[in-house]
Amino acid sequence: MQRITEFFRGVVREMKKVSWPKRQELTKYTITVLATVVIMALFFTVVDLGISELIRLIP
């Protein structure tokens, strides 16, 4: 039980050292991630449709 308690005390100590992003930074990072996900999803959709059409051309 003492090891678990010491573990969580260590976690709390380390979490106090973390430099958390400000609200404006967090918003900017979130928009960047979402934009990247949308762009990648569109890219892979186009690639998938292209490959599907190529396969349909094969008799």
Protein backbone atom coordinates (compact mmCIF):
# COMPACT_ATOMS: atom_id res chain seq x y z
CA MET A 1 0.00 0.00 0.00
CA GLN A 2 2.87 2.34 0.79
CA ARG A 3 4.34 1.87 -2.70
CA ILE A 4 1.06 2.92 -4.30
CA THR A 5 0.85 6.00 -2.09
CA GLU A 6 4.45 6.94 -2.91
CA PHE A 7 3.73 6.42 -6.62
CA PHE A 8 0.82 8.86 -6.56
CA ARG A 9 2.82 11.39 -4.56
CA GLY A 10 5.47 11.18 -7.26
CA VAL A 11 2.82 11.66 -9.94
CA VAL A 12 1.52 14.80 -8.20
CA ARG A 13 5.09 16.12 -7.84
CA GLU A 14 5.79 15.61 -11.54
CA MET A 15 2.45 17.09 -12.63
CA LYS A 16 3.34 20.31 -10.79
CA LYS A 17 6.46 20.57 -12.98
CA VAL A 18 4.49 20.35 -16.22
CA SER A 19 4.24 23.51 -18.29
CA TRP A 20 0.61 23.56 -19.41
CA PRO A 21 -0.31 25.48 -22.59
CA LYS A 22 -2.25 28.71 -22.32
CA ARG A 23 -5.80 28.86 -23.70
CA GLN A 24 -4.71 30.63 -26.90
CA GLU A 25 -1.96 28.07 -27.55
CA LEU A 26 -4.32 25.20 -26.90
CA THR A 27 -6.87 26.63 -29.33
CA LYS A 28 -4.19 27.05 -32.01
CA TYR A 29 -2.92 23.48 -31.51
CA THR A 30 -6.46 22.07 -31.60
CA ILE A 31 -7.25 23.85 -34.86
CA THR A 32 -3.96 22.61 -36.34
CA VAL A 33 -4.72 19.01 -35.38
CA LEU A 34 -8.29 19.15 -36.68
CA ALA A 35 -7.21 20.74 -39.97
CA THR A 36 -4.51 18.10 -40.42
CA VAL A 37 -7.00 15.29 -39.75
CA VAL A 38 -9.50 16.73 -42.28
CA ILE A 39 -6.81 17.17 -44.95
CA MET A 40 -5.48 13.64 -44.42
CA ALA A 41 -9.01 12.19 -44.51
CA LEU A 42 -9.70 13.96 -47.80
CA PHE A 43 -6.37 12.83 -49.23
CA PHE A 44 -6.95 9.18 -48.34
CA THR A 45 -10.53 9.35 -49.61
CA VAL A 46 -9.31 10.58 -53.00
CA VAL A 47 -6.55 7.94 -53.10
CA ASP A 48 -9.04 5.21 -52.16
CA LEU A 49 -11.50 6.30 -54.84
CA GLY A 50 -8.69 6.43 -57.40
CA ILE A 51 -7.47 2.95 -56.56
CA SER A 52 -11.05 1.63 -56.61
CA GLU A 53 -11.57 3.06 -60.09
CA LEU A 54 -8.32 1.55 -61.32
CA ILE A 55 -9.35 -1.86 -60.00
CA ARG A 56 -12.75 -1.56 -61.76
CA LEU A 57 -10.93 -0.97 -65.06
CA ILE A 58 -9.20 -4.35 -64.78
CA PRO A 59 -11.35 -6.93 -66.64
